[in-house]
Amino acid sequence: MIGFFIAMFGLGAPESTFITVTSYIPFFTPMVMFLRVGMLNIPTFEPILGIIIMLAAIMLLAIFGARIYRGGVLMYGKSNSFKDIKKAIELTKK
């Protein structure tokens, strides 16, 4: 939802620094970069860089989630607090 509102703000000022920066933040890239590509004449490397950053974030979050899942399976029946997530991560280090 926040990405949508940022894109709506960008319709009025697509060349602003705020829009340029948020177009590289992985959760906002699909909406804001699409706006910039459609409204401005930007270099080709900028959308490619946004895609690379987004793919890297996806891979890092997948690795992090897999570590939590691996430790979480061993902690079946426990609550889902941040303390338990930390314990699940520590279980994967052993």
C-alpha atoms as a PDB file:
ATOM      1  CA  MET A   1       0.000   0.000   0.000  1.00  0.00           C
ATOM      2  CA  ILE A   2       2.856   2.370   0.820  1.00  0.00           C
ATOM      3  CA  GLY A   3       4.424   1.688  -2.581  1.00  0.00           C
ATOM      4  CA  PHE A   4       1.180   2.701  -4.269  1.00  0.00           C
ATOM      5  CA  PHE A   5       1.077   6.011  -2.403  1.00  0.00           C
ATOM      6  CA  ILE A   6       4.729   6.683  -3.212  1.00  0.00           C
ATOM      7  CA  ALA A   7       3.958   6.040  -6.882  1.00  0.00           C
ATOM      8  CA  MET A   8       0.983   8.418  -6.701  1.00  0.00           C
ATOM      9  CA  PHE A   9       3.258  11.093  -5.223  1.00  0.00           C
ATOM     10  CA  GLY A  10       5.732  10.365  -8.020  1.00  0.00           C
ATOM     11  CA  LEU A  11       3.183  11.212 -10.695  1.00  0.00           C
ATOM     12  CA  GLY A  12       3.606  14.853  -9.755  1.00  0.00           C
ATOM     13  CA  ALA A  13       7.395  14.829  -9.412  1.00  0.00           C
ATOM     14  CA  PRO A  14       8.929  11.708 -11.023  1.00  0.00           C
ATOM     15  CA  GLU A  15      12.436  13.213 -11.094  1.00  0.00           C
ATOM     16  CA  SER A  16      12.558  13.955  -7.336  1.00  0.00           C
ATOM     17  CA  THR A  17      15.304  12.460  -5.195  1.00  0.00           C
ATOM     18  CA  PHE A  18      12.743  10.699  -2.984  1.00  0.00           C
ATOM     19  CA  ILE A  19      11.267   8.833  -5.965  1.00  0.00           C
ATOM     20  CA  THR A  20      14.720   7.971  -7.312  1.00  0.00           C
ATOM     21  CA  VAL A  21      15.833   6.523  -3.967  1.00  0.00           C
ATOM     22  CA  THR A  22      12.625   4.570  -3.335  1.00  0.00           C
ATOM     23  CA  SER A  23      12.815   3.047  -6.809  1.00  0.00           C
ATOM     24  CA  TYR A  24      15.813   1.024  -5.563  1.00  0.00           C
ATOM     25  CA  ILE A  25      14.209  -0.199  -2.307  1.00  0.00           C
ATOM     26  CA  PRO A  26      13.195  -3.815  -3.050  1.00  0.00           C
ATOM     27  CA  PHE A  27       9.581  -3.681  -1.829  1.00  0.00           C
ATOM     28  CA  PHE A  28       8.878  -0.495  -3.793  1.00  0.00           C
ATOM     29  CA  THR A  29      10.892  -1.237  -6.951  1.00  0.00           C
ATOM     30  CA  PRO A  30       8.079  -2.842  -9.007  1.00  0.00           C
ATOM     31  CA  MET A  31       5.758   0.150  -8.653  1.00  0.00           C
ATOM     32  CA  VAL A  32       8.111   3.112  -8.462  1.00  0.00           C
ATOM     33  CA  MET A  33      10.642   1.993 -11.086  1.00  0.00           C
ATOM     34  CA  PHE A  34       7.767   1.273 -13.478  1.00  0.00           C
ATOM     35  CA  LEU A  35       6.596   4.854 -12.917  1.00  0.00           C
ATOM     36  CA  ARG A  36      10.074   6.263 -13.609  1.00  0.00           C
ATOM     37  CA  VAL A  37      10.526   4.169 -16.765  1.00  0.00           C
ATOM     38  CA  GLY A  38       7.139   5.272 -18.078  1.00  0.00           C
ATOM     39  CA  MET A  39       7.472   8.983 -17.302  1.00  0.00           C
ATOM     40  CA  LEU A  40      11.188   9.717 -17.668  1.00  0.00           C
ATOM     41  CA  ASN A  41      13.959   8.907 -20.077  1.00  0.00           C
ATOM     42  CA  ILE A  42      16.283   7.051 -17.689  1.00  0.00           C
ATOM     43  CA  PRO A  43      19.424   5.072 -18.579  1.00  0.00           C
ATOM     44  CA  THR A  44      18.993   1.334 -19.141  1.00  0.00           C
ATOM     45  CA  PHE A  45      21.258   0.416 -16.234  1.00  0.00           C
ATOM     46  CA  GLU A  46      18.871   1.906 -13.647  1.00  0.00           C
ATOM     47  CA  PRO A  47      15.989  -0.584 -14.142  1.00  0.00           C
ATOM     48  CA  ILE A  48      18.520  -3.410 -14.445  1.00  0.00           C
ATOM     49  CA  LEU A  49      20.176  -2.308 -11.192  1.00  0.00           C
ATOM     50  CA  GLY A  50      16.764  -2.178  -9.502  1.00  0.00           C
ATOM     51  CA  ILE A  51      16.010  -5.735 -10.650  1.00  0.00           C
ATOM     52  CA  ILE A  52      19.409  -6.976  -9.440  1.00  0.00           C
ATOM     53  CA  ILE A  53      18.911  -5.368  -6.013  1.00  0.00           C
ATOM     54  CA  MET A  54      15.426  -6.874  -5.801  1.00  0.00           C
ATOM     55  CA  LEU A  55      16.668 -10.367  -6.729  1.00  0.00           C
ATOM     56  CA  ALA A  56      19.506 -10.121  -4.190  1.00  0.00           C
ATOM     57  CA  ALA A  57      17.018  -9.150  -1.477  1.00  0.00           C
ATOM     58  CA  ILE A  58      14.784 -12.087  -2.410  1.00  0.00           C
ATOM     59  CA  MET A  59      17.719 -14.501  -2.178  1.00  0.00           C
ATOM     60  CA  LEU A  60      18.862 -13.106   1.188  1.00  0.00           C
ATOM     61  CA  LEU A  61      15.349 -13.284   2.640  1.00  0.00           C
ATOM     62  CA  ALA A  62      14.935 -16.848   1.322  1.00  0.00           C
ATOM     63  CA  ILE A  63      18.195 -17.920   2.983  1.00  0.00           C
ATOM     64  CA  PHE A  64      17.201 -16.207   6.231  1.00  0.00           C
ATOM     65  CA  GLY A  65      13.733 -17.784   6.125  1.00  0.00           C
ATOM     66  CA  ALA A  66      15.203 -21.232   5.450  1.00  0.00           C
ATOM     67  CA  ARG A  67      17.457 -20.912   8.503  1.00  0.00           C
ATOM     68  CA  ILE A  68      14.520 -19.919  10.698  1.00  0.00           C
ATOM     69  CA  TYR A  69      12.421 -22.764   9.293  1.00  0.00           C
ATOM     70  CA  ARG A  70      15.182 -25.323   9.827  1.00  0.00           C
ATOM     71  CA  GLY A  71      15.515 -24.355  13.491  1.00  0.00           C
ATOM     72  CA  GLY A  72      11.779 -23.805  13.905  1.00  0.00           C
ATOM     73  CA  VAL A  73      10.980 -27.373  12.905  1.00  0.00           C
ATOM     74  CA  LEU A  74      12.988 -28.514  15.920  1.00  0.00           C
ATOM     75  CA  MET A  75      10.970 -26.188  18.168  1.00  0.00           C
ATOM     76  CA  TYR A  76       7.539 -27.551  17.246  1.00  0.00           C
ATOM     77  CA  GLY A  77       4.775 -26.385  19.590  1.00  0.00           C
ATOM     78  CA  LYS A  78       6.524 -23.246  20.829  1.00  0.00           C
ATOM     79  CA  SER A  79       5.166 -19.732  20.445  1.00  0.00           C
ATOM     80  CA  ASN A  80       6.238 -17.421  17.620  1.00  0.00           C
ATOM     81  CA  SER A  81       8.001 -14.681  19.544  1.00  0.00           C
ATOM     82  CA  PHE A  82      11.224 -12.962  18.509  1.00  0.00           C
ATOM     83  CA  LYS A  83      12.982 -14.773  21.362  1.00  0.00           C
ATOM     84  CA  ASP A  84      11.951 -18.129  19.889  1.00  0.00           C
ATOM     85  CA  ILE A  85      13.010 -17.045  16.405  1.00  0.00           C
ATOM     86  CA  LYS A  86      16.427 -16.175  17.818  1.00  0.00           C
ATOM     87  CA  LYS A  87      16.602 -19.643  19.422  1.00  0.00           C
ATOM     88  CA  ALA A  88      15.639 -21.216  16.084  1.00  0.00           C
ATOM     89  CA  ILE A  89      18.490 -19.396  14.353  1.00  0.00           C
ATOM     90  CA  GLU A  90      20.917 -20.495  17.085  1.00  0.00           C
ATOM     91  CA  LEU A  91      19.836 -24.130  16.613  1.00  0.00           C
ATOM     92  CA  THR A  92      20.926 -24.004  12.971  1.00  0.00           C
ATOM     93  CA  LYS A  93      24.466 -22.971  13.920  1.00  0.00           C
ATOM     94  CA  LYS A  94      25.154 -26.231  15.761  1.00  0.00           C
END
